[in-house]
Amino acid sequence: MMKVAVTVAVLALGLAGCARDDEAANDMTANEFSTENVVEDDMNAAASAADNALGNAEEAIENVQEAADNAAEAVENAQ
């Protein structure tokens, strides 16, 4: 009878320990997903900013080309 009680107590403690580990694992998983989501949001924001910067640079280049064309035309008209 004493062996059965000790065995049951050991099994109960083992199961209780597993439940706590599962809870900790779930917390770690939730934290990892949260961190991954933050990183993904940051990457998306950086990609969007880079895309906007590239678009602005392309527009600036077009404006410089147009200004050069206008200057060349002004030189021709002045002659």
PDB file of N, CA and C in Angstrom:
ATOM      1  N   MET A   1       0.815  -1.185   0.000  1.00  0.00           N
ATOM      2  CA  MET A   1       0.000   0.000   0.000  1.00  0.00           C
ATOM      3  C   MET A   1       0.865   1.258   0.000  1.00  0.00           C
ATOM      4  N   MET A   2       1.953   1.209   0.771  1.00  0.00           N
ATOM      5  CA  MET A   2       2.861   2.354   0.842  1.00  0.00           C
ATOM      6  C   MET A   2       3.534   2.577  -0.508  1.00  0.00           C
ATOM      7  N   LYS A   3       3.903   1.471  -1.220  1.00  0.00           N
ATOM      8  CA  LYS A   3       4.541   1.600  -2.529  1.00  0.00           C
ATOM      9  C   LYS A   3       3.595   2.258  -3.525  1.00  0.00           C
ATOM     10  N   VAL A   4       2.320   1.903  -3.481  1.00  0.00           N
ATOM     11  CA  VAL A   4       1.330   2.468  -4.396  1.00  0.00           C
ATOM     12  C   VAL A   4       1.194   3.969  -4.139  1.00  0.00           C
ATOM     13  N   ALA A   5       1.124   4.363  -2.893  1.00  0.00           N
ATOM     14  CA  ALA A   5       0.980   5.785  -2.545  1.00  0.00           C
ATOM     15  C   ALA A   5       2.205   6.576  -3.013  1.00  0.00           C
ATOM     16  N   VAL A   6       3.381   6.021  -2.801  1.00  0.00           N
ATOM     17  CA  VAL A   6       4.606   6.702  -3.232  1.00  0.00           C
ATOM     18  C   VAL A   6       4.648   6.795  -4.746  1.00  0.00           C
ATOM     19  N   THR A   7       4.270   5.707  -5.435  1.00  0.00           N
ATOM     20  CA  THR A   7       4.266   5.697  -6.897  1.00  0.00           C
ATOM     21  C   THR A   7       3.305   6.742  -7.444  1.00  0.00           C
ATOM     22  N   VAL A   8       2.115   6.802  -6.867  1.00  0.00           N
ATOM     23  CA  VAL A   8       1.115   7.784  -7.304  1.00  0.00           C
ATOM     24  C   VAL A   8       1.629   9.199  -7.059  1.00  0.00           C
ATOM     25  N   ALA A   9       2.245   9.425  -5.910  1.00  0.00           N
ATOM     26  CA  ALA A   9       2.776  10.747  -5.603  1.00  0.00           C
ATOM     27  C   ALA A   9       3.868  11.143  -6.588  1.00  0.00           C
ATOM     28  N   VAL A  10       4.761  10.220  -6.926  1.00  0.00           N
ATOM     29  CA  VAL A  10       5.841  10.503  -7.873  1.00  0.00           C
ATOM     30  C   VAL A  10       5.272  10.797  -9.261  1.00  0.00           C
ATOM     31  N   LEU A  11       4.285  10.004  -9.682  1.00  0.00           N
ATOM     32  CA  LEU A  11       3.668  10.239 -10.987  1.00  0.00           C
ATOM     33  C   LEU A  11       2.959  11.600 -11.027  1.00  0.00           C
ATOM     34  N   ALA A  12       2.270  11.936  -9.957  1.00  0.00           N
ATOM     35  CA  ALA A  12       1.572  13.229  -9.893  1.00  0.00           C
ATOM     36  C   ALA A  12       2.558  14.383  -9.977  1.00  0.00           C
ATOM     37  N   LEU A  13       3.656  14.269  -9.252  1.00  0.00           N
ATOM     38  CA  LEU A  13       4.672  15.321  -9.314  1.00  0.00           C
ATOM     39  C   LEU A  13       5.287  15.409 -10.711  1.00  0.00           C
ATOM     40  N   GLY A  14       5.506  14.255 -11.335  1.00  0.00           N
ATOM     41  CA  GLY A  14       6.053  14.247 -12.695  1.00  0.00           C
ATOM     42  C   GLY A  14       5.114  14.918 -13.679  1.00  0.00           C
ATOM     43  N   LEU A  15       3.813  14.625 -13.582  1.00  0.00           N
ATOM     44  CA  LEU A  15       2.836  15.256 -14.472  1.00  0.00           C
ATOM     45  C   LEU A  15       2.733  16.754 -14.215  1.00  0.00           C
ATOM     46  N   ALA A  16       2.778  17.137 -12.958  1.00  0.00           N
ATOM     47  CA  ALA A  16       2.731  18.563 -12.630  1.00  0.00           C
ATOM     48  C   ALA A  16       3.944  19.283 -13.210  1.00  0.00           C
ATOM     49  N   GLY A  17       5.086  18.647 -13.147  1.00  0.00           N
ATOM     50  CA  GLY A  17       6.296  19.231 -13.733  1.00  0.00           C
ATOM     51  C   GLY A  17       6.185  19.380 -15.236  1.00  0.00           C
ATOM     52  N   CYS A  18       5.585  18.406 -15.891  1.00  0.00           N
ATOM     53  CA  CYS A  18       5.402  18.476 -17.338  1.00  0.00           C
ATOM     54  C   CYS A  18       4.460  19.607 -17.707  1.00  0.00           C
ATOM     55  N   ALA A  19       3.399  19.784 -16.942  1.00  0.00           N
ATOM     56  CA  ALA A  19       2.440  20.847 -17.226  1.00  0.00           C
ATOM     57  C   ALA A  19       3.123  22.204 -17.148  1.00  0.00           C
ATOM     58  N   ARG A  20       3.963  22.414 -16.175  1.00  0.00           N
ATOM     59  CA  ARG A  20       4.671  23.685 -16.063  1.00  0.00           C
ATOM     60  C   ARG A  20       5.621  23.884 -17.240  1.00  0.00           C
ATOM     61  N   ASP A  21       6.287  22.827 -17.663  1.00  0.00           N
ATOM     62  CA  ASP A  21       7.198  22.933 -18.802  1.00  0.00           C
ATOM     63  C   ASP A  21       6.432  23.275 -20.070  1.00  0.00           C
ATOM     64  N   ASP A  22       5.254  22.670 -20.249  1.00  0.00           N
ATOM     65  CA  ASP A  22       4.444  22.976 -21.418  1.00  0.00           C
ATOM     66  C   ASP A  22       4.026  24.443 -21.404  1.00  0.00           C
ATOM     67  N   GLU A  23       3.663  24.923 -20.243  1.00  0.00           N
ATOM     68  CA  GLU A  23       3.255  26.323 -20.126  1.00  0.00           C
ATOM     69  C   GLU A  23       4.424  27.246 -20.456  1.00  0.00           C
ATOM     70  N   ALA A  24       5.587  26.919 -19.952  1.00  0.00           N
ATOM     71  CA  ALA A  24       6.778  27.722 -20.253  1.00  0.00           C
ATOM     72  C   ALA A  24       7.107  27.656 -21.742  1.00  0.00           C
ATOM     73  N   ALA A  25       6.961  26.466 -22.326  1.00  0.00           N
ATOM     74  CA  ALA A  25       7.226  26.316 -23.758  1.00  0.00           C
ATOM     75  C   ALA A  25       6.234  27.139 -24.570  1.00  0.00           C
ATOM     76  N   ASN A  26       4.976  27.142 -24.155  1.00  0.00           N
ATOM     77  CA  ASN A  26       3.970  27.948 -24.853  1.00  0.00           C
ATOM     78  C   ASN A  26       4.297  29.430 -24.746  1.00  0.00           C
ATOM     79  N   ASP A  27       4.750  29.867 -23.563  1.00  0.00           N
ATOM     80  CA  ASP A  27       5.134  31.265 -23.396  1.00  0.00           C
ATOM     81  C   ASP A  27       6.305  31.607 -24.305  1.00  0.00           C
ATOM     82  N   MET A  28       7.297  30.703 -24.376  1.00  0.00           N
ATOM     83  CA  MET A  28       8.454  30.950 -25.234  1.00  0.00           C
ATOM     84  C   MET A  28       8.026  31.014 -26.688  1.00  0.00           C
ATOM     85  N   THR A  29       7.121  30.117 -27.094  1.00  0.00           N
ATOM     86  CA  THR A  29       6.650  30.112 -28.479  1.00  0.00           C
ATOM     87  C   THR A  29       5.919  31.409 -28.789  1.00  0.00           C
ATOM     88  N   ALA A  30       5.071  31.847 -27.877  1.00  0.00           N
ATOM     89  CA  ALA A  30       4.344  33.102 -28.084  1.00  0.00           C
ATOM     90  C   ALA A  30       5.315  34.268 -28.199  1.00  0.00           C
ATOM     91  N   ASN A  31       6.348  34.277 -27.364  1.00  0.00           N
ATOM     92  CA  ASN A  31       7.341  35.353 -27.429  1.00  0.00           C
ATOM     93  C   ASN A  31       8.109  35.315 -28.743  1.00  0.00           C
ATOM     94  N   GLU A  32       8.430  34.106 -29.212  1.00  0.00           N
ATOM     95  CA  GLU A  32       9.149  33.990 -30.479  1.00  0.00           C
ATOM     96  C   GLU A  32       8.300  34.500 -31.630  1.00  0.00           C
ATOM     97  N   PHE A  33       6.996  34.150 -31.639  1.00  0.00           N
ATOM     98  CA  PHE A  33       6.115  34.640 -32.699  1.00  0.00           C
ATOM     99  C   PHE A  33       5.981  36.155 -32.622  1.00  0.00           C
ATOM    100  N   SER A  34       5.883  36.678 -31.411  1.00  0.00           N
ATOM    101  CA  SER A  34       5.784  38.125 -31.242  1.00  0.00           C
ATOM    102  C   SER A  34       7.031  38.805 -31.777  1.00  0.00           C
ATOM    103  N   THR A  35       8.188  38.264 -31.452  1.00  0.00           N
ATOM    104  CA  THR A  35       9.448  38.833 -31.932  1.00  0.00           C
ATOM    105  C   THR A  35       9.536  38.729 -33.448  1.00  0.00           C
ATOM    106  N   GLU A  36       9.128  37.588 -34.001  1.00  0.00           N
ATOM    107  CA  GLU A  36       9.156  37.421 -35.457  1.00  0.00           C
ATOM    108  C   GLU A  36       8.232  38.422 -36.133  1.00  0.00           C
ATOM    109  N   ASN A  37       7.064  38.665 -35.538  1.00  0.00           N
ATOM    110  CA  ASN A  37       6.134  39.630 -36.123  1.00  0.00           C
ATOM    111  C   ASN A  37       6.719  41.036 -36.096  1.00  0.00           C
ATOM    112  N   VAL A  38       7.376  41.402 -35.013  1.00  0.00           N
ATOM    113  CA  VAL A  38       8.002  42.721 -34.915  1.00  0.00           C
ATOM    114  C   VAL A  38       9.103  42.855 -35.961  1.00  0.00           C
ATOM    115  N   VAL A  39       9.917  41.817 -36.094  1.00  0.00           N
ATOM    116  CA  VAL A  39      10.999  41.849 -37.081  1.00  0.00           C
ATOM    117  C   VAL A  39      10.423  41.954 -38.485  1.00  0.00           C
ATOM    118  N   GLU A  40       9.376  41.190 -38.751  1.00  0.00           N
ATOM    119  CA  GLU A  40       8.757  41.237 -40.081  1.00  0.00           C
ATOM    120  C   GLU A  40       8.186  42.622 -40.361  1.00  0.00           C
ATOM    121  N   ASP A  41       7.535  43.227 -39.365  1.00  0.00           N
ATOM    122  CA  ASP A  41       7.002  44.582 -39.539  1.00  0.00           C
ATOM    123  C   ASP A  41       8.126  45.572 -39.810  1.00  0.00           C
ATOM    124  N   ASP A  42       9.234  45.436 -39.075  1.00  0.00           N
ATOM    125  CA  ASP A  42      10.378  46.320 -39.286  1.00  0.00           C
ATOM    126  C   ASP A  42      10.959  46.142 -40.682  1.00  0.00           C
ATOM    127  N   MET A  43      11.046  44.897 -41.130  1.00  0.00           N
ATOM    128  CA  MET A  43      11.581  44.628 -42.469  1.00  0.00           C
ATOM    129  C   MET A  43      10.669  45.213 -43.538  1.00  0.00           C
ATOM    130  N   ASN A  44       9.362  45.079 -43.351  1.00  0.00           N
ATOM    131  CA  ASN A  44       8.422  45.640 -44.315  1.00  0.00           C
ATOM    132  C   ASN A  44       8.530  47.164 -44.357  1.00  0.00           C
ATOM    133  N   ALA A  45       8.667  47.781 -43.181  1.00  0.00           N
ATOM    134  CA  ALA A  45       8.808  49.235 -43.130  1.00  0.00           C
ATOM    135  C   ALA A  45      10.099  49.672 -43.812  1.00  0.00           C
ATOM    136  N   ALA A  46      11.178  48.940 -43.585  1.00  0.00           N
ATOM    137  CA  ALA A  46      12.458  49.275 -44.214  1.00  0.00           C
ATOM    138  C   ALA A  46      12.379  49.107 -45.727  1.00  0.00           C
ATOM    139  N   ALA A  47      11.730  48.048 -46.181  1.00  0.00           N
ATOM    140  CA  ALA A  47      11.587  47.823 -47.619  1.00  0.00           C
ATOM    141  C   ALA A  47      10.746  48.927 -48.255  1.00  0.00           C
ATOM    142  N   SER A  48       9.700  49.341 -47.567  1.00  0.00           N
ATOM    143  CA  SER A  48       8.855  50.421 -48.071  1.00  0.00           C
ATOM    144  C   SER A  48       9.631  51.735 -48.137  1.00  0.00           C
ATOM    145  N   ALA A  49      10.411  52.008 -47.094  1.00  0.00           N
ATOM    146  CA  ALA A  49      11.217  53.229 -47.084  1.00  0.00           C
ATOM    147  C   ALA A  49      12.252  53.207 -48.207  1.00  0.00           C
ATOM    148  N   ALA A  50      12.873  52.057 -48.423  1.00  0.00           N
ATOM    149  CA  ALA A  50      13.862  51.934 -49.493  1.00  0.00           C
ATOM    150  C   ALA A  50      13.203  52.118 -50.859  1.00  0.00           C
ATOM    151  N   ASP A  51      12.010  51.565 -51.017  1.00  0.00           N
ATOM    152  CA  ASP A  51      11.282  51.705 -52.279  1.00  0.00           C
ATOM    153  C   ASP A  51      10.938  53.176 -52.531  1.00  0.00           C
ATOM    154  N   ASN A  52      10.492  53.863 -51.479  1.00  0.00           N
ATOM    155  CA  ASN A  52      10.177  55.289 -51.616  1.00  0.00           C
ATOM    156  C   ASN A  52      11.424  56.098 -51.949  1.00  0.00           C
ATOM    157  N   ALA A  53      12.539  55.769 -51.296  1.00  0.00           N
ATOM    158  CA  ALA A  53      13.787  56.480 -51.566  1.00  0.00           C
ATOM    159  C   ALA A  53      14.232  56.259 -53.004  1.00  0.00           C
ATOM    160  N   LEU A  54      14.089  55.042 -53.493  1.00  0.00           N
ATOM    161  CA  LEU A  54      14.459  54.742 -54.876  1.00  0.00           C
ATOM    162  C   LEU A  54      13.577  55.528 -55.846  1.00  0.00           C
ATOM    163  N   GLY A  55      12.289  55.565 -55.566  1.00  0.00           N
ATOM    164  CA  GLY A  55      11.374  56.339 -56.413  1.00  0.00           C
ATOM    165  C   GLY A  55      11.731  57.815 -56.422  1.00  0.00           C
ATOM    166  N   ASN A  56      12.059  58.362 -55.254  1.00  0.00           N
ATOM    167  CA  ASN A  56      12.458  59.769 -55.179  1.00  0.00           C
ATOM    168  C   ASN A  56      13.755  60.024 -55.933  1.00  0.00           C
ATOM    169  N   ALA A  57      14.695  59.091 -55.853  1.00  0.00           N
ATOM    170  CA  ALA A  57      15.966  59.237 -56.563  1.00  0.00           C
ATOM    171  C   ALA A  57      15.737  59.207 -58.068  1.00  0.00           C
ATOM    172  N   GLU A  58      14.887  58.303 -58.525  1.00  0.00           N
ATOM    173  CA  GLU A  58      14.584  58.222 -59.956  1.00  0.00           C
ATOM    174  C   GLU A  58      13.949  59.523 -60.445  1.00  0.00           C
ATOM    175  N   GLU A  59      13.043  60.073 -59.635  1.00  0.00           N
ATOM    176  CA  GLU A  59      12.399  61.329 -60.006  1.00  0.00           C
ATOM    177  C   GLU A  59      13.411  62.473 -60.040  1.00  0.00           C
ATOM    178  N   ALA A  60      14.336  62.476 -59.082  1.00  0.00           N
ATOM    179  CA  ALA A  60      15.366  63.518 -59.062  1.00  0.00           C
ATOM    180  C   ALA A  60      16.260  63.425 -60.295  1.00  0.00           C
ATOM    181  N   ILE A  61      16.591  62.209 -60.700  1.00  0.00           N
ATOM    182  CA  ILE A  61      17.416  62.021 -61.906  1.00  0.00           C
ATOM    183  C   ILE A  61      16.679  62.534 -63.137  1.00  0.00           C
ATOM    184  N   GLU A  62      15.390  62.232 -63.216  1.00  0.00           N
ATOM    185  CA  GLU A  62      14.598  62.722 -64.357  1.00  0.00           C
ATOM    186  C   GLU A  62      14.565  64.240 -64.368  1.00  0.00           C
ATOM    187  N   ASN A  63      14.437  64.851 -63.178  1.00  0.00           N
ATOM    188  CA  ASN A  63      14.415  66.311 -63.101  1.00  0.00           C
ATOM    189  C   ASN A  63      15.748  66.912 -63.538  1.00  0.00           C
ATOM    190  N   VAL A  64      16.848  66.284 -63.161  1.00  0.00           N
ATOM    191  CA  VAL A  64      18.174  66.764 -63.570  1.00  0.00           C
ATOM    192  C   VAL A  64      18.328  66.640 -65.082  1.00  0.00           C
ATOM    193  N   GLN A  65      17.871  65.524 -65.646  1.00  0.00           N
ATOM    194  CA  GLN A  65      17.962  65.350 -67.095  1.00  0.00           C
ATOM    195  C   GLN A  65      17.136  66.410 -67.828  1.00  0.00           C
ATOM    196  N   GLU A  66      15.957  66.682 -67.293  1.00  0.00           N
ATOM    197  CA  GLU A  66      15.106  67.694 -67.911  1.00  0.00           C
ATOM    198  C   GLU A  66      15.752  69.082 -67.804  1.00  0.00           C
ATOM    199  N   ALA A  67      16.358  69.373 -66.661  1.00  0.00           N
ATOM    200  CA  ALA A  67      17.041  70.658 -66.492  1.00  0.00           C
ATOM    201  C   ALA A  67      18.216  70.772 -67.457  1.00  0.00           C
ATOM    202  N   ALA A  68      18.949  69.676 -67.661  1.00  0.00           N
ATOM    203  CA  ALA A  68      20.073  69.691 -68.603  1.00  0.00           C
ATOM    204  C   ALA A  68      19.565  69.924 -70.022  1.00  0.00           C
ATOM    205  N   ASP A  69      18.461  69.272 -70.376  1.00  0.00           N
ATOM    206  CA  ASP A  69      17.879  69.474 -71.701  1.00  0.00           C
ATOM    207  C   ASP A  69      17.439  70.920 -71.880  1.00  0.00           C
ATOM    208  N   ASN A  70      16.838  71.491 -70.857  1.00  0.00           N
ATOM    209  CA  ASN A  70      16.387  72.886 -70.922  1.00  0.00           C
ATOM    210  C   ASN A  70      17.575  73.835 -71.053  1.00  0.00           C
ATOM    211  N   ALA A  71      18.660  73.529 -70.322  1.00  0.00           N
ATOM    212  CA  ALA A  71      19.860  74.368 -70.411  1.00  0.00           C
ATOM    213  C   ALA A  71      20.460  74.296 -71.810  1.00  0.00           C
ATOM    214  N   ALA A  72      20.505  73.094 -72.365  1.00  0.00           N
ATOM    215  CA  ALA A  72      21.054  72.927 -73.715  1.00  0.00           C
ATOM    216  C   ALA A  72      20.198  73.691 -74.730  1.00  0.00           C
ATOM    217  N   GLU A  73      18.900  73.625 -74.568  1.00  0.00           N
ATOM    218  CA  GLU A  73      17.997  74.335 -75.454  1.00  0.00           C
ATOM    219  C   GLU A  73      18.184  75.850 -75.303  1.00  0.00           C
ATOM    220  N   ALA A  74      18.380  76.314 -74.079  1.00  0.00           N
ATOM    221  CA  ALA A  74      18.602  77.742 -73.846  1.00  0.00           C
ATOM    222  C   ALA A  74      19.881  78.199 -74.511  1.00  0.00           C
ATOM    223  N   VAL A  75      20.922  77.367 -74.471  1.00  0.00           N
ATOM    224  CA  VAL A  75      22.188  77.700 -75.132  1.00  0.00           C
ATOM    225  C   VAL A  75      21.979  77.806 -76.644  1.00  0.00           C
ATOM    226  N   GLU A  76      21.235  76.856 -77.203  1.00  0.00           N
ATOM    227  CA  GLU A  76      20.973  76.899 -78.661  1.00  0.00           C
ATOM    228  C   GLU A  76      20.200  78.158 -79.027  1.00  0.00           C
ATOM    229  N   ASN A  77      19.221  78.504 -78.216  1.00  0.00           N
ATOM    230  CA  ASN A  77      18.414  79.693 -78.496  1.00  0.00           C
ATOM    231  C   ASN A  77      19.233  80.975 -78.364  1.00  0.00           C
ATOM    232  N   ALA A  78      20.194  80.951 -77.484  1.00  0.00           N
ATOM    233  CA  ALA A  78      21.027  82.157 -77.289  1.00  0.00           C
ATOM    234  C   ALA A  78      21.973  82.385 -78.441  1.00  0.00           C
ATOM    235  N   GLN A  79      22.323  81.345 -79.169  1.00  0.00           N
ATOM    236  CA  GLN A  79      23.275  81.496 -80.284  1.00  0.00           C
ATOM    237  C   GLN A  79      22.559  82.069 -81.425  1.00  0.00           C
TER     238      GLN A  79
END
